[in-house]
C-alpha atoms as a PDB file:
ATOM      1  CA  MET A   1      13.727-189.429  44.556  1.00  0.00           C
ATOM      2  CA  GLY A   2      16.547-189.750  47.007  1.00  0.00           C
ATOM      3  CA  TYR A   3      19.137-189.019  44.586  1.00  0.00           C
ATOM      4  CA  THR A   4      17.508-185.876  43.322  1.00  0.00           C
ATOM      5  CA  LYS A   5      17.085-184.635  46.723  1.00  0.00           C
ATOM      6  CA  ILE A   6      20.971-185.238  47.532  1.00  0.00           C
ATOM      7  CA  LEU A   7      21.870-183.399  44.143  1.00  0.00           C
ATOM      8  CA  PHE A   8      19.418-180.539  45.306  1.00  0.00           C
ATOM      9  CA  ILE A   9      21.144-180.171  48.523  1.00  0.00           C
ATOM     10  CA  GLY A  10      24.568-180.341  47.015  1.00  0.00           C
ATOM     11  CA  ILE A  11      23.863-177.390  44.696  1.00  0.00           C
ATOM     12  CA  ILE A  12      22.630-175.328  47.492  1.00  0.00           C
ATOM     13  CA  PHE A  13      25.659-176.056  49.539  1.00  0.00           C
ATOM     14  CA  PHE A  14      27.786-175.420  46.537  1.00  0.00           C
ATOM     15  CA  PHE A  15      26.369-171.836  46.074  1.00  0.00           C
ATOM     16  CA  GLY A  16      26.245-171.352  49.770  1.00  0.00           C
ATOM     17  CA  LEU A  17      29.989-171.722  50.019  1.00  0.00           C
ATOM     18  CA  GLY A  18      30.457-169.652  46.774  1.00  0.00           C
ATOM     19  CA  SER A  19      28.730-166.693  48.595  1.00  0.00           C
ATOM     20  CA  ILE A  20      30.434-166.857  51.793  1.00  0.00           C
ATOM     21  CA  GLY A  21      33.813-167.070  49.916  1.00  0.00           C
ATOM     22  CA  PHE A  22      32.894-164.177  48.086  1.00  0.00           C
ATOM     23  CA  ALA A  23      32.062-162.169  51.216  1.00  0.00           C
ATOM     24  CA  GLU A  24      35.240-163.192  52.685  1.00  0.00           C
ATOM     25  CA  ASP A  25      37.315-162.038  49.683  1.00  0.00           C
ATOM     26  CA  ILE A  26      35.802-158.511  49.750  1.00  0.00           C
ATOM     27  CA  SER A  27      37.797-156.921  52.497  1.00  0.00           C
ATOM     28  CA  LEU A  28      39.993-153.806  52.911  1.00  0.00           C
ATOM     29  CA  GLN A  29      42.626-155.205  50.734  1.00  0.00           C
ATOM     30  CA  TYR A  30      40.122-156.178  48.043  1.00  0.00           C
ATOM     31  CA  PHE A  31      38.912-152.689  47.588  1.00  0.00           C
ATOM     32  CA  LEU A  32      42.550-151.237  47.834  1.00  0.00           C
ATOM     33  CA  SER A  33      43.451-153.466  45.081  1.00  0.00           C
ATOM     34  CA  LYS A  34      40.587-152.037  43.104  1.00  0.00           C
ATOM     35  CA  VAL A  35      41.759-148.722  43.746  1.00  0.00           C
ATOM     36  CA  SER A  36      45.393-149.401  42.610  1.00  0.00           C
ATOM     37  CA  SER A  37      43.936-151.203  39.406  1.00  0.00           C
ATOM     38  CA  LYS A  38      41.902-148.135  38.669  1.00  0.00           C
ATOM     39  CA  LYS A  39      38.722-150.361  38.220  1.00  0.00           C
ATOM     40  CA  MET A  40      36.507-147.660  39.840  1.00  0.00           C
ATOM     41  CA  GLU A  41      33.177-149.412  39.115  1.00  0.00           C
ATOM     42  CA  LEU A  42      31.557-151.115  41.801  1.00  0.00           C
ATOM     43  CA  SER A  43      28.933-153.686  41.321  1.00  0.00           C
ATOM     44  CA  MET A  44      25.763-154.064  43.498  1.00  0.00           C
ATOM     45  CA  LYS A  45      27.207-156.990  45.574  1.00  0.00           C
ATOM     46  CA  GLU A  46      30.353-155.090  46.116  1.00  0.00           C
ATOM     47  CA  THR A  47      28.658-151.837  47.019  1.00  0.00           C
ATOM     48  CA  ALA A  48      26.508-153.771  49.370  1.00  0.00           C
ATOM     49  CA  GLU A  49      29.641-155.413  51.108  1.00  0.00           C
ATOM     50  CA  LEU A  50      31.343-152.029  51.348  1.00  0.00           C
ATOM     51  CA  PHE A  51      28.372-150.893  53.500  1.00  0.00           C
ATOM     52  CA  ASN A  52      28.770-153.967  55.532  1.00  0.00           C
ATOM     53  CA  GLN A  53      32.468-153.369  56.256  1.00  0.00           C
ATOM     54  CA  LEU A  54      32.050-149.715  56.808  1.00  0.00           C
ATOM     55  CA  GLU A  55      29.237-150.657  59.449  1.00  0.00           C
ATOM     56  CA  GLY A  56      31.620-153.016  61.136  1.00  0.00           C
ATOM     57  CA  VAL A  57      34.390-150.308  61.330  1.00  0.00           C
ATOM     58  CA  VAL A  58      32.090-147.678  62.715  1.00  0.00           C
ATOM     59  CA  LYS A  59      30.573-150.209  65.326  1.00  0.00           C
ATOM     60  CA  GLN A  60      34.095-151.036  66.273  1.00  0.00           C
ATOM     61  CA  ALA A  61      34.907-147.370  66.661  1.00  0.00           C
ATOM     62  CA  GLN A  62      31.929-147.048  68.966  1.00  0.00           C
ATOM     63  CA  LYS A  63      33.093-149.861  71.302  1.00  0.00           C
ATOM     64  CA  ILE A  64      36.580-148.465  71.561  1.00  0.00           C
ATOM     65  CA  ARG A  65      35.097-144.956  72.319  1.00  0.00           C
ATOM     66  CA  THR A  66      33.216-146.362  75.180  1.00  0.00           C
ATOM     67  CA  LYS A  67      36.370-148.145  76.602  1.00  0.00           C
ATOM     68  CA  LEU A  68      38.443-144.863  76.133  1.00  0.00           C
ATOM     69  CA  ILE A  69      35.766-142.873  78.256  1.00  0.00           C
ATOM     70  CA  GLN A  70      35.685-145.584  80.871  1.00  0.00           C
ATOM     71  CA  ALA A  71      39.442-145.665  81.158  1.00  0.00           C
ATOM     72  CA  ILE A  72      39.731-141.899  81.420  1.00  0.00           C
ATOM     73  CA  GLN A  73      36.742-141.702  84.150  1.00  0.00           C
ATOM     74  CA  ILE A  74      38.141-144.389  85.948  1.00  0.00           C
ATOM     75  CA  GLY A  75      41.669-143.119  86.048  1.00  0.00           C
ATOM     76  CA  GLU A  76      43.219-146.037  84.330  1.00  0.00           C
ATOM     77  CA  THR A  77      45.210-143.940  81.897  1.00  0.00           C
ATOM     78  CA  ASP A  78      47.884-141.700  83.012  1.00  0.00           C
ATOM     79  CA  VAL A  79      46.234-138.393  82.030  1.00  0.00           C
ATOM     80  CA  ARG A  80      45.937-135.425  83.990  1.00  0.00           C
ATOM     81  CA  TYR A  81      42.776-133.579  84.611  1.00  0.00           C
ATOM     82  CA  GLN A  82      43.058-130.987  82.075  1.00  0.00           C
ATOM     83  CA  GLU A  83      44.066-133.334  79.462  1.00  0.00           C
ATOM     84  CA  GLY A  84      41.324-135.671  80.291  1.00  0.00           C
ATOM     85  CA  LYS A  85      38.706-132.783  79.787  1.00  0.00           C
ATOM     86  CA  PHE A  86      40.190-132.206  76.191  1.00  0.00           C
ATOM     87  CA  TRP A  87      40.016-135.701  75.369  1.00  0.00           C
ATOM     88  CA  MET A  88      36.613-136.288  76.687  1.00  0.00           C
ATOM     89  CA  SER A  89      35.352-133.355  74.588  1.00  0.00           C
ATOM     90  CA  LYS A  90      36.659-134.924  71.430  1.00  0.00           C
ATOM     91  CA  LEU A  91      35.150-138.505  72.429  1.00  0.00           C
ATOM     92  CA  GLU A  92      31.837-136.642  73.016  1.00  0.00           C
ATOM     93  CA  GLY A  93      32.130-135.326  69.333  1.00  0.00           C
ATOM     94  CA  ASP A  94      32.608-138.888  68.093  1.00  0.00           C
ATOM     95  CA  LYS A  95      29.259-139.833  69.261  1.00  0.00           C
ATOM     96  CA  ASP A  96      27.704-137.527  66.876  1.00  0.00           C
ATOM     97  CA  SER A  97      29.949-138.733  63.848  1.00  0.00           C
ATOM     98  CA  ILE A  98      29.277-142.424  64.780  1.00  0.00           C
ATOM     99  CA  GLU A  99      25.508-141.902  64.775  1.00  0.00           C
ATOM    100  CA  THR A 100      25.680-139.816  61.563  1.00  0.00           C
ATOM    101  CA  ALA A 101      27.655-142.514  59.802  1.00  0.00           C
ATOM    102  CA  LEU A 102      25.388-145.273  60.803  1.00  0.00           C
ATOM    103  CA  GLN A 103      22.192-143.323  60.032  1.00  0.00           C
ATOM    104  CA  GLN A 104      23.777-142.632  56.437  1.00  0.00           C
ATOM    105  CA  ILE A 105      24.643-146.127  55.819  1.00  0.00           C
ATOM    106  CA  LYS A 106      21.241-147.211  56.565  1.00  0.00           C
ATOM    107  CA  LEU A 107      19.743-144.602  54.371  1.00  0.00           C
ATOM    108  CA  LEU A 108      22.055-145.510  51.438  1.00  0.00           C
ATOM    109  CA  ARG A 109      21.093-149.136  51.568  1.00  0.00           C
ATOM    110  CA  GLU A 110      17.430-148.577  51.563  1.00  0.00           C
ATOM    111  CA  LYS A 111      17.357-145.934  48.755  1.00  0.00           C
ATOM    112  CA  SER A 112      19.127-145.256  45.547  1.00  0.00           C
ATOM    113  CA  PRO A 113      22.690-143.581  45.818  1.00  0.00           C
ATOM    114  CA  ARG A 114      22.477-140.080  47.085  1.00  0.00           C
ATOM    115  CA  VAL A 115      25.174-137.679  46.757  1.00  0.00           C
ATOM    116  CA  LEU A 116      24.275-135.677  49.971  1.00  0.00           C
ATOM    117  CA  ALA A 117      24.095-138.861  52.376  1.00  0.00           C
ATOM    118  CA  SER A 118      27.421-140.114  50.849  1.00  0.00           C
ATOM    119  CA  ILE A 119      29.070-136.712  51.684  1.00  0.00           C
ATOM    120  CA  LYS A 120      27.637-136.814  55.186  1.00  0.00           C
ATOM    121  CA  LEU A 121      29.034-140.300  55.515  1.00  0.00           C
ATOM    122  CA  TYR A 122      32.593-139.375  54.200  1.00  0.00           C
ATOM    123  CA  LYS A 123      32.593-136.174  56.473  1.00  0.00           C
ATOM    124  CA  SER A 124      31.571-138.127  59.707  1.00  0.00           C
ATOM    125  CA  LEU A 125      34.035-141.030  58.985  1.00  0.00           C
ATOM    126  CA  LYS A 126      36.836-138.562  58.021  1.00  0.00           C
ATOM    127  CA  ASP A 127      36.172-136.697  61.584  1.00  0.00           C
ATOM    128  CA  LEU A 128      36.438-140.147  63.339  1.00  0.00           C
ATOM    129  CA  SER A 129      39.505-141.051  61.306  1.00  0.00           C
ATOM    130  CA  SER A 130      41.382-137.822  62.372  1.00  0.00           C
ATOM    131  CA  ASN A 131      40.410-138.170  66.162  1.00  0.00           C
ATOM    132  CA  PHE A 132      41.324-141.833  66.247  1.00  0.00           C
ATOM    133  CA  ASN A 133      44.437-141.184  64.749  1.00  0.00           C
ATOM    134  CA  ALA A 134      45.118-138.485  67.642  1.00  0.00           C
ATOM    135  CA  TYR A 135      44.132-141.151  70.204  1.00  0.00           C
ATOM    136  CA  ASN A 136      46.541-143.573  68.718  1.00  0.00           C
ATOM    137  CA  ASN A 137      49.428-141.254  68.847  1.00  0.00           C
ATOM    138  CA  MET A 138      48.712-141.022  72.757  1.00  0.00           C
ATOM    139  CA  ALA A 139      50.734-143.615  74.654  1.00  0.00           C
ATOM    140  CA  PRO A 140      47.880-143.950  77.216  1.00  0.00           C
ATOM    141  CA  PHE A 141      45.282-144.600  74.512  1.00  0.00           C
ATOM    142  CA  SER A 142      47.249-146.498  71.740  1.00  0.00           C
ATOM    143  CA  ALA A 143      46.808-149.956  73.367  1.00  0.00           C
ATOM    144  CA  LEU A 144      42.908-149.450  73.152  1.00  0.00           C
ATOM    145  CA  VAL A 145      42.738-148.234  69.660  1.00  0.00           C
ATOM    146  CA  GLY A 146      45.082-150.659  68.220  1.00  0.00           C
ATOM    147  CA  ASP A 147      44.972-151.250  64.455  1.00  0.00           C
ATOM    148  CA  LEU A 148      41.566-149.358  63.906  1.00  0.00           C
ATOM    149  CA  ALA A 149      42.955-145.841  63.416  1.00  0.00           C
ATOM    150  CA  PRO A 150      45.345-146.715  60.396  1.00  0.00           C
ATOM    151  CA  GLU A 151      42.615-149.107  59.026  1.00  0.00           C
ATOM    152  CA  MET A 152      40.009-146.325  59.144  1.00  0.00           C
ATOM    153  CA  GLU A 153      42.176-144.040  57.351  1.00  0.00           C
ATOM    154  CA  LEU A 154      42.568-146.372  54.590  1.00  0.00           C
ATOM    155  CA  TRP A 155      38.756-146.868  54.376  1.00  0.00           C
ATOM    156  CA  VAL A 156      38.132-143.062  54.135  1.00  0.00           C
ATOM    157  CA  ASP A 157      40.245-141.743  51.625  1.00  0.00           C
ATOM    158  CA  PRO A 158      41.459-144.434  49.057  1.00  0.00           C
ATOM    159  CA  VAL A 159      38.405-146.603  49.321  1.00  0.00           C
ATOM    160  CA  ILE A 160      35.278-144.338  50.185  1.00  0.00           C
ATOM    161  CA  TYR A 161      36.364-141.201  48.278  1.00  0.00           C
ATOM    162  CA  LYS A 162      37.978-142.719  45.163  1.00  0.00           C
ATOM    163  CA  LEU A 163      35.703-145.846  44.642  1.00  0.00           C
ATOM    164  CA  TYR A 164      32.391-144.684  45.935  1.00  0.00           C
ATOM    165  CA  LEU A 165      31.956-140.958  46.544  1.00  0.00           C
ATOM    166  CA  LEU A 166      33.859-139.493  43.420  1.00  0.00           C
ATOM    167  CA  PRO A 167      32.370-141.775  40.857  1.00  0.00           C
ATOM    168  CA  LEU A 168      28.955-141.115  42.133  1.00  0.00           C
ATOM    169  CA  ALA A 169      29.552-137.186  42.282  1.00  0.00           C
ATOM    170  CA  GLN A 170      30.718-137.440  38.543  1.00  0.00           C
ATOM    171  CA  ALA A 171      27.728-139.426  37.650  1.00  0.00           C
ATOM    172  CA  LYS A 172      25.281-137.190  39.045  1.00  0.00           C
ATOM    173  CA  ASP A 173      27.195-134.141  37.566  1.00  0.00           C
ATOM    174  CA  ALA A 174      26.817-135.802  33.869  1.00  0.00           C
ATOM    175  CA  GLU A 175      23.176-136.328  34.586  1.00  0.00           C
ATOM    176  CA  THR A 176      22.592-132.725  35.290  1.00  0.00           C
ATOM    177  CA  LYS A 177      24.308-131.334  32.195  1.00  0.00           C
ATOM    178  CA  ALA A 178      21.741-131.680  29.641  1.00  0.00           C
ATOM    179  CA  PRO A 179      22.819-131.665  25.927  1.00  0.00           C
ATOM    180  CA  GLN A 180      22.626-128.097  24.816  1.00  0.00           C
ATOM    181  CA  LYS A 181      20.013-127.342  22.051  1.00  0.00           C
ATOM    182  CA  GLU A 182      21.201-125.779  18.955  1.00  0.00           C
ATOM    183  CA  LYS A 183      20.143-122.269  18.570  1.00  0.00           C
ATOM    184  CA  LYS A 184      17.792-121.789  15.375  1.00  0.00           C
ATOM    185  CA  PRO A 185      19.145-119.071  13.185  1.00  0.00           C
ATOM    186  CA  ALA A 186      17.328-115.915  13.479  1.00  0.00           C
ATOM    187  CA  SER A 187      14.833-115.510  10.708  1.00  0.00           C
ATOM    188  CA  LYS A 188      15.603-112.530   8.280  1.00  0.00           C
ATOM    189  CA  GLU A 189      12.519-110.179   8.520  1.00  0.00           C
ATOM    190  CA  LYS A 190      11.881-108.591   4.945  1.00  0.00           C
ATOM    191  CA  LYS A 191      11.664-104.945   5.306  1.00  0.00           C
ATOM    192  CA  PRO A 192       8.299-103.530   4.417  1.00  0.00           C
ATOM    193  CA  PRO A 193       8.417-101.817   0.863  1.00  0.00           C
ATOM    194  CA  PRO A 194       8.553 -98.137   0.894  1.00  0.00           C
ATOM    195  CA  SER A 195       5.024 -96.705   1.062  1.00  0.00           C
ATOM    196  CA  GLU A 196       3.558 -95.564  -2.437  1.00  0.00           C
ATOM    197  CA  LYS A 197       2.021 -92.201  -2.642  1.00  0.00           C
ATOM    198  CA  LYS A 198      -1.590 -92.235  -2.712  1.00  0.00           C
ATOM    199  CA  PRO A 199      -3.042 -90.700  -5.970  1.00  0.00           C
ATOM    200  CA  GLY A 200      -4.183 -87.175  -5.451  1.00  0.00           C
ATOM    201  CA  SER A 201      -1.884 -86.635  -2.537  1.00  0.00           C
ATOM    202  CA  LYS A 202      -0.028 -83.077  -2.664  1.00  0.00           C
ATOM    203  CA  GLU A 203       3.353 -82.936  -1.873  1.00  0.00           C
ATOM    204  CA  LYS A 204       4.628 -80.691   0.589  1.00  0.00           C
ATOM    205  CA  LYS A 205       6.206 -77.510  -0.694  1.00  0.00           C
ATOM    206  CA  PRO A 206       9.676 -76.627   0.959  1.00  0.00           C
END
């Protein structure tokens, strides 16, 4: 009885380690390798982990956004007033992009793949990536942004677009294109025979 219990615990521990190892292996580099090898099909586990990774990236962007706003408001950065207003307006726009991205990730997890939700997710992440690259190019902000800007750029175009959005759109497009039905040849209608003259009918004289 004791041996069986130990064996059972060992099996659970083994599979638990396997699942942890699988999650750790699926990183940005893992997905980039799939893009380069042109193996575009994602399994259910890979898709689930893709959403986990994307959620982590968006939440990291959310924290950095808060730090950037605080740094501008407190005056920790060497940014003039007019420049500060410009960057604050961009950071305000990031709030909508972050909220939209998180909403679409939640929706795509709960329901079957949807092209519209996927496009919204891609668009919001694309906007975030563009803005964070702009922050990273500013000396007062680059220290706060760190490696997130180049990492987000890689998530958006090579990974999300090529591995998820493009195959999904192609699959949906193939579904909508139903096979065309062969047209039946038009039946040749027989012309009615010329009407016969009735007996006793008189011909009209010219």
